[in-house]
Amino acid sequence: MPPLSELPGSVSRETLLRALTRLGFIIDKSGGKGDHCKITWPRNQKSITLPYRTLPKKVLKYLLKEIETISNVNWERIRKEL
């Protein structure tokens, strides 16, 4: 997991969703509560909820940690797809 200083200042949700789709995640925009969406890793059907807004560093770091936990997809792979 990269330190906060290596993460971008903020990432839009749509940019992150496009990168995760390219890596094989399933995106369900109606699967979250309100404006949130659900991203699922198809190999084990585990999912996390992604908030609807630009993602500041602290939120992005938390989401990257959760993504790596459920799928073993790390920040380096995601960053290449951004």
Protein backbone atom coordinates (compact mmCIF):
# COMPACT_ATOMS: atom_id res chain seq x y z
CA MET A 1 0.00 0.00 0.00
CA PRO A 2 1.49 3.36 -1.00
CA PRO A 3 1.84 6.18 1.51
CA LEU A 4 -0.57 9.11 1.23
CA SER A 5 2.16 11.26 -0.35
CA GLU A 6 2.32 8.93 -3.40
CA LEU A 7 -1.43 9.01 -4.07
CA PRO A 8 -2.94 11.64 -6.38
CA GLY A 9 -4.63 14.63 -4.75
CA SER A 10 -8.05 13.34 -5.69
CA VAL A 11 -9.51 10.87 -8.18
CA SER A 12 -12.95 11.07 -9.69
CA ARG A 13 -15.19 8.11 -9.09
CA GLU A 14 -15.77 7.59 -12.83
CA THR A 15 -12.03 7.42 -13.51
CA LEU A 16 -11.56 4.80 -10.81
CA LEU A 17 -14.58 2.82 -12.02
CA ARG A 18 -13.20 2.71 -15.59
CA ALA A 19 -9.85 1.43 -14.31
CA LEU A 20 -11.51 -1.23 -12.13
CA THR A 21 -13.71 -2.36 -15.03
CA ARG A 22 -10.61 -2.85 -17.19
CA LEU A 23 -9.12 -4.99 -14.41
CA GLY A 24 -12.18 -7.26 -14.33
CA PHE A 25 -14.39 -5.88 -11.57
CA ILE A 26 -18.17 -5.86 -12.00
CA ILE A 27 -19.73 -2.45 -11.41
CA ASP A 28 -23.33 -2.23 -10.19
CA LYS A 29 -24.42 1.40 -10.02
CA SER A 30 -27.78 0.42 -8.58
CA GLY A 31 -26.28 -1.87 -5.95
CA GLY A 32 -25.40 0.76 -3.37
CA LYS A 33 -27.43 2.93 -1.08
CA GLY A 34 -28.33 6.30 -2.59
CA ASP A 35 -25.62 7.55 -4.92
CA HIS A 36 -23.13 4.85 -3.95
CA CYS A 37 -22.25 1.95 -6.22
CA LYS A 38 -21.12 -1.59 -5.58
CA ILE A 39 -17.97 -3.09 -7.10
CA THR A 40 -17.62 -6.86 -7.07
CA TRP A 41 -14.61 -9.07 -7.72
CA PRO A 42 -16.09 -11.92 -9.79
CA ARG A 43 -13.67 -14.67 -8.70
CA ASN A 44 -14.89 -14.71 -5.10
CA GLN A 45 -18.03 -12.50 -5.30
CA LYS A 46 -16.76 -10.18 -2.57
CA SER A 47 -17.72 -6.54 -2.94
CA ILE A 48 -17.21 -3.08 -1.53
CA THR A 49 -19.27 0.10 -1.80
CA LEU A 50 -17.84 3.13 -3.53
CA PRO A 51 -19.11 6.60 -2.56
CA TYR A 52 -20.42 9.02 -5.17
CA ARG A 53 -18.03 11.91 -5.16
CA THR A 54 -14.44 12.80 -5.94
CA LEU A 55 -12.27 10.59 -3.78
CA PRO A 56 -9.79 12.46 -1.55
CA LYS A 57 -6.53 10.78 -0.55
CA LYS A 58 -7.72 9.30 2.75
CA VAL A 59 -10.84 7.76 1.19
CA LEU A 60 -8.84 6.52 -1.81
CA LYS A 61 -6.26 4.87 0.48
CA TYR A 62 -9.02 3.10 2.42
CA LEU A 63 -10.70 1.90 -0.81
CA LEU A 64 -7.39 0.69 -2.26
CA LYS A 65 -6.75 -1.30 0.91
CA GLU A 66 -10.20 -2.91 0.66
CA ILE A 67 -9.77 -3.62 -3.06
CA GLU A 68 -6.42 -5.29 -2.43
CA THR A 69 -7.95 -7.37 0.38
CA ILE A 70 -10.76 -8.79 -1.74
CA SER A 71 -8.92 -9.17 -5.04
CA ASN A 72 -5.12 -8.92 -4.63
CA VAL A 73 -5.19 -6.09 -7.19
CA ASN A 74 -2.70 -3.52 -5.91
CA TRP A 75 -2.31 0.21 -6.48
CA GLU A 76 0.37 -0.24 -9.14
CA ARG A 77 -2.01 -2.23 -11.36
CA ILE A 78 -4.85 0.26 -10.81
CA ARG A 79 -2.58 3.25 -11.49
CA LYS A 80 -1.55 1.78 -14.86
CA GLU A 81 -5.24 1.67 -15.87
CA LEU A 82 -6.09 5.24 -14.77
